[in-house]
N, C-alpha and C. Protein backbone atom coordinates (compact mmCIF):
# COMPACT_ATOMS: atom_id res chain seq x y z
N MET A 1 0.84 -1.17 0.00
CA MET A 1 0.00 0.00 0.00
C MET A 1 0.89 1.24 0.00
N PHE A 2 1.50 1.56 1.12
CA PHE A 2 2.38 2.72 1.22
C PHE A 2 3.69 2.26 1.83
N SER A 3 4.75 2.41 1.07
CA SER A 3 6.05 2.00 1.56
C SER A 3 7.05 3.12 1.27
N PRO A 4 7.52 3.81 2.32
CA PRO A 4 8.47 4.90 2.09
C PRO A 4 9.83 4.37 1.64
N SER A 5 10.46 5.13 0.78
CA SER A 5 11.78 4.74 0.29
C SER A 5 12.82 5.04 1.38
N PRO A 6 14.04 4.52 1.24
CA PRO A 6 15.07 4.78 2.26
C PRO A 6 15.36 6.27 2.44
N GLY A 7 15.30 7.04 1.38
CA GLY A 7 15.53 8.49 1.49
C GLY A 7 14.45 9.15 2.32
N GLU A 8 13.22 8.74 2.11
CA GLU A 8 12.10 9.29 2.89
C GLU A 8 12.22 8.89 4.36
N MET A 9 12.66 7.67 4.62
CA MET A 9 12.84 7.22 6.00
C MET A 9 13.89 8.07 6.71
N ILE A 10 14.98 8.43 6.03
CA ILE A 10 16.03 9.26 6.64
C ILE A 10 15.46 10.64 6.96
N ILE A 11 14.70 11.20 6.05
CA ILE A 11 14.10 12.52 6.28
C ILE A 11 13.16 12.46 7.49
N ILE A 12 12.33 11.43 7.57
CA ILE A 12 11.42 11.27 8.71
C ILE A 12 12.21 11.14 10.01
N ALA A 13 13.30 10.38 10.01
CA ALA A 13 14.12 10.20 11.22
C ALA A 13 14.75 11.53 11.65
N VAL A 14 15.24 12.30 10.71
CA VAL A 14 15.86 13.59 11.05
C VAL A 14 14.81 14.53 11.65
N ILE A 15 13.63 14.57 11.05
CA ILE A 15 12.57 15.43 11.58
C ILE A 15 12.16 14.98 12.99
N ALA A 16 12.07 13.66 13.21
CA ALA A 16 11.72 13.14 14.54
C ALA A 16 12.77 13.52 15.56
N ILE A 17 14.04 13.44 15.21
CA ILE A 17 15.13 13.81 16.14
C ILE A 17 15.07 15.30 16.45
N LEU A 18 14.81 16.11 15.43
CA LEU A 18 14.74 17.56 15.66
C LEU A 18 13.54 17.93 16.54
N LEU A 19 12.42 17.25 16.34
CA LEU A 19 11.23 17.58 17.12
C LEU A 19 11.30 17.09 18.56
N PHE A 20 11.73 15.85 18.74
CA PHE A 20 11.65 15.23 20.07
C PHE A 20 12.98 15.18 20.80
N GLY A 21 14.09 15.20 20.10
CA GLY A 21 15.40 15.21 20.73
C GLY A 21 15.61 14.07 21.72
N GLU A 22 15.89 14.42 22.99
CA GLU A 22 16.17 13.41 24.01
C GLU A 22 14.92 12.62 24.41
N LYS A 23 13.76 13.15 24.14
CA LYS A 23 12.52 12.47 24.50
C LYS A 23 12.10 11.43 23.46
N LEU A 24 12.87 11.28 22.40
CA LEU A 24 12.50 10.36 21.33
C LEU A 24 12.29 8.92 21.80
N PRO A 25 13.16 8.36 22.67
CA PRO A 25 12.91 7.00 23.14
C PRO A 25 11.60 6.86 23.91
N GLN A 26 11.27 7.84 24.73
CA GLN A 26 10.02 7.80 25.48
C GLN A 26 8.81 7.89 24.54
N VAL A 27 8.91 8.76 23.54
CA VAL A 27 7.82 8.91 22.58
C VAL A 27 7.66 7.61 21.78
N ALA A 28 8.77 7.02 21.38
CA ALA A 28 8.71 5.77 20.61
C ALA A 28 8.09 4.64 21.44
N ARG A 29 8.44 4.57 22.73
CA ARG A 29 7.85 3.55 23.61
C ARG A 29 6.35 3.74 23.75
N SER A 30 5.93 4.98 23.98
CA SER A 30 4.50 5.23 24.16
C SER A 30 3.73 4.96 22.87
N VAL A 31 4.31 5.29 21.72
CA VAL A 31 3.65 4.99 20.45
C VAL A 31 3.58 3.48 20.25
N GLY A 32 4.66 2.77 20.57
CA GLY A 32 4.67 1.31 20.45
C GLY A 32 3.62 0.66 21.34
N LYS A 33 3.51 1.12 22.59
CA LYS A 33 2.50 0.57 23.51
C LYS A 33 1.09 0.83 22.99
N THR A 34 0.88 2.02 22.45
CA THR A 34 -0.44 2.37 21.92
C THR A 34 -0.80 1.49 20.73
N VAL A 35 0.18 1.27 19.84
CA VAL A 35 -0.07 0.43 18.67
C VAL A 35 -0.34 -1.01 19.09
N MET A 36 0.40 -1.53 20.06
CA MET A 36 0.18 -2.89 20.53
C MET A 36 -1.19 -3.04 21.18
N GLU A 37 -1.61 -2.06 21.97
CA GLU A 37 -2.93 -2.12 22.60
C GLU A 37 -4.04 -2.04 21.55
N LEU A 38 -3.85 -1.22 20.54
CA LEU A 38 -4.82 -1.13 19.45
C LEU A 38 -4.93 -2.46 18.72
N GLN A 39 -3.81 -3.10 18.44
CA GLN A 39 -3.83 -4.40 17.77
C GLN A 39 -4.53 -5.45 18.63
N ARG A 40 -4.26 -5.45 19.92
CA ARG A 40 -4.90 -6.41 20.83
C ARG A 40 -6.41 -6.19 20.85
N ASN A 41 -6.85 -4.95 20.90
CA ASN A 41 -8.28 -4.65 20.90
C ASN A 41 -8.93 -5.05 19.58
N LEU A 42 -8.23 -4.81 18.48
CA LEU A 42 -8.78 -5.20 17.18
C LEU A 42 -8.90 -6.72 17.07
N ARG A 43 -7.91 -7.46 17.60
CA ARG A 43 -8.00 -8.92 17.58
C ARG A 43 -9.19 -9.40 18.40
N GLY A 44 -9.41 -8.79 19.56
CA GLY A 44 -10.55 -9.16 20.39
C GLY A 44 -11.87 -8.85 19.70
N LEU A 45 -11.94 -7.71 19.03
CA LEU A 45 -13.14 -7.33 18.30
C LEU A 45 -13.38 -8.30 17.14
N GLU A 46 -12.31 -8.67 16.44
CA GLU A 46 -12.43 -9.62 15.34
C GLU A 46 -12.89 -10.99 15.85
N ARG A 47 -12.37 -11.41 16.99
CA ARG A 47 -12.77 -12.69 17.57
C ARG A 47 -14.25 -12.67 17.94
N GLU A 48 -14.72 -11.59 18.56
CA GLU A 48 -16.13 -11.48 18.91
C GLU A 48 -17.01 -11.49 17.67
N PHE A 49 -16.57 -10.81 16.61
CA PHE A 49 -17.33 -10.77 15.38
C PHE A 49 -17.43 -12.16 14.77
N ARG A 50 -16.32 -12.88 14.74
CA ARG A 50 -16.33 -14.24 14.18
C ARG A 50 -17.23 -15.16 15.01
N MET A 51 -17.17 -15.04 16.34
CA MET A 51 -18.02 -15.88 17.19
C MET A 51 -19.50 -15.59 16.94
N SER A 52 -19.84 -14.32 16.79
CA SER A 52 -21.25 -13.98 16.55
C SER A 52 -21.69 -14.46 15.17
N MET A 53 -20.79 -14.42 14.19
CA MET A 53 -21.13 -14.92 12.85
C MET A 53 -21.32 -16.44 12.88
N GLU A 54 -20.47 -17.15 13.62
CA GLU A 54 -20.60 -18.60 13.72
C GLU A 54 -21.89 -18.95 14.46
N GLU A 55 -22.22 -18.17 15.48
CA GLU A 55 -23.44 -18.43 16.24
C GLU A 55 -24.67 -18.18 15.38
N ALA A 56 -24.61 -17.16 14.54
CA ALA A 56 -25.74 -16.86 13.65
C ALA A 56 -25.87 -17.92 12.55
N ALA A 57 -24.77 -18.55 12.17
CA ALA A 57 -24.80 -19.55 11.11
C ALA A 57 -25.34 -20.88 11.60
N ARG A 58 -25.24 -21.14 12.91
CA ARG A 58 -25.75 -22.40 13.46
C ARG A 58 -27.26 -22.43 13.34
N PRO A 59 -27.81 -23.61 13.07
CA PRO A 59 -29.27 -23.68 13.03
C PRO A 59 -29.84 -23.44 14.42
N SER A 60 -30.90 -22.68 14.45
CA SER A 60 -31.49 -22.35 15.75
C SER A 60 -32.25 -23.55 16.29
N GLN A 61 -32.36 -23.60 17.59
CA GLN A 61 -33.07 -24.70 18.24
C GLN A 61 -34.56 -24.49 18.07
N PRO A 62 -35.31 -25.57 17.96
CA PRO A 62 -36.75 -25.41 17.77
C PRO A 62 -37.39 -24.70 18.97
N VAL A 63 -38.41 -23.94 18.66
CA VAL A 63 -39.11 -23.18 19.70
C VAL A 63 -40.08 -24.10 20.41
N LYS A 64 -40.09 -24.03 21.74
CA LYS A 64 -41.02 -24.85 22.52
C LYS A 64 -42.44 -24.34 22.30
N LYS A 65 -43.35 -25.28 22.14
CA LYS A 65 -44.74 -24.91 22.00
C LYS A 65 -45.36 -24.81 23.39
N VAL A 66 -46.04 -23.73 23.66
CA VAL A 66 -46.65 -23.52 24.96
C VAL A 66 -48.07 -24.06 24.92
N ASP A 67 -48.43 -24.83 25.92
CA ASP A 67 -49.77 -25.39 25.99
C ASP A 67 -50.71 -24.30 26.48
N THR A 68 -51.67 -23.91 25.62
CA THR A 68 -52.57 -22.81 25.97
C THR A 68 -53.72 -23.27 26.84
N LEU A 69 -53.90 -24.57 27.01
CA LEU A 69 -55.01 -25.06 27.82
C LEU A 69 -54.80 -24.78 29.31
N ASP A 70 -53.57 -24.57 29.71
CA ASP A 70 -53.28 -24.33 31.11
C ASP A 70 -53.62 -22.90 31.55
N HIS A 71 -53.88 -22.03 30.60
CA HIS A 71 -54.10 -20.63 30.91
C HIS A 71 -55.57 -20.27 30.73
N GLU A 72 -56.03 -19.33 31.53
CA GLU A 72 -57.40 -18.84 31.37
C GLU A 72 -57.44 -17.86 30.21
N GLU A 73 -58.56 -17.85 29.52
CA GLU A 73 -58.72 -16.90 28.43
C GLU A 73 -58.98 -15.52 29.00
N ALA A 74 -58.43 -14.54 28.34
CA ALA A 74 -58.65 -13.17 28.76
C ALA A 74 -60.02 -12.74 28.26
N THR A 75 -60.78 -12.10 29.11
CA THR A 75 -62.09 -11.62 28.71
C THR A 75 -62.18 -10.14 28.98
N ALA A 76 -62.91 -9.45 28.11
CA ALA A 76 -63.10 -8.02 28.27
C ALA A 76 -64.35 -7.80 29.12
N PRO A 77 -64.38 -6.75 29.90
CA PRO A 77 -65.59 -6.48 30.70
C PRO A 77 -66.76 -6.13 29.78
N LYS A 78 -67.93 -6.50 30.18
CA LYS A 78 -69.14 -6.24 29.42
C LYS A 78 -69.49 -4.76 29.55
N PHE A 79 -69.83 -4.16 28.41
CA PHE A 79 -70.18 -2.73 28.41
C PHE A 79 -71.62 -2.58 28.84
N GLU A 80 -71.85 -1.73 29.80
CA GLU A 80 -73.20 -1.42 30.25
C GLU A 80 -73.39 0.09 30.12
N PRO A 81 -74.39 0.51 29.33
CA PRO A 81 -74.60 1.95 29.18
C PRO A 81 -75.06 2.56 30.50
N PRO A 82 -74.77 3.83 30.71
CA PRO A 82 -75.20 4.47 31.95
C PRO A 82 -76.72 4.53 32.02
N PRO A 83 -77.28 4.49 33.22
CA PRO A 83 -78.74 4.54 33.34
C PRO A 83 -79.28 5.87 32.82
N ALA A 84 -80.45 5.81 32.20
CA ALA A 84 -81.07 7.02 31.69
C ALA A 84 -81.61 7.84 32.85
N SER A 85 -81.45 9.14 32.75
CA SER A 85 -81.96 10.00 33.82
C SER A 85 -83.46 10.17 33.66
N GLU A 86 -84.16 10.36 34.76
CA GLU A 86 -85.61 10.45 34.72
C GLU A 86 -86.08 11.85 34.31
N THR A 87 -85.29 12.87 34.51
CA THR A 87 -85.69 14.22 34.13
C THR A 87 -85.14 14.53 32.76
N PRO A 88 -85.95 15.11 31.87
CA PRO A 88 -85.45 15.46 30.54
C PRO A 88 -84.51 16.66 30.62
N PRO A 89 -83.51 16.70 29.78
CA PRO A 89 -82.59 17.85 29.78
C PRO A 89 -83.28 19.11 29.27
N THR A 90 -82.94 20.26 29.78
CA THR A 90 -83.56 21.51 29.37
C THR A 90 -82.70 22.31 28.46
């Protein structure tokens, strides 16, 4: 994909030395640790993705049929209109 030539690598090294100087080893260590942690997290994410894909590819277990005879049927309350008033409205 992208591969710097030896001349470009020398230029990058000189710029890194000028920018970081004596702190260059510390910066390189912290960058290395960050890259390693990123790779470890990506491997874990890839593993989880593969496991979920394998789980989705497995045939699902048959669904248990529930016996409806054991349950009471739900009934709605009977509607009763309000009693008619004895006096006519004015």
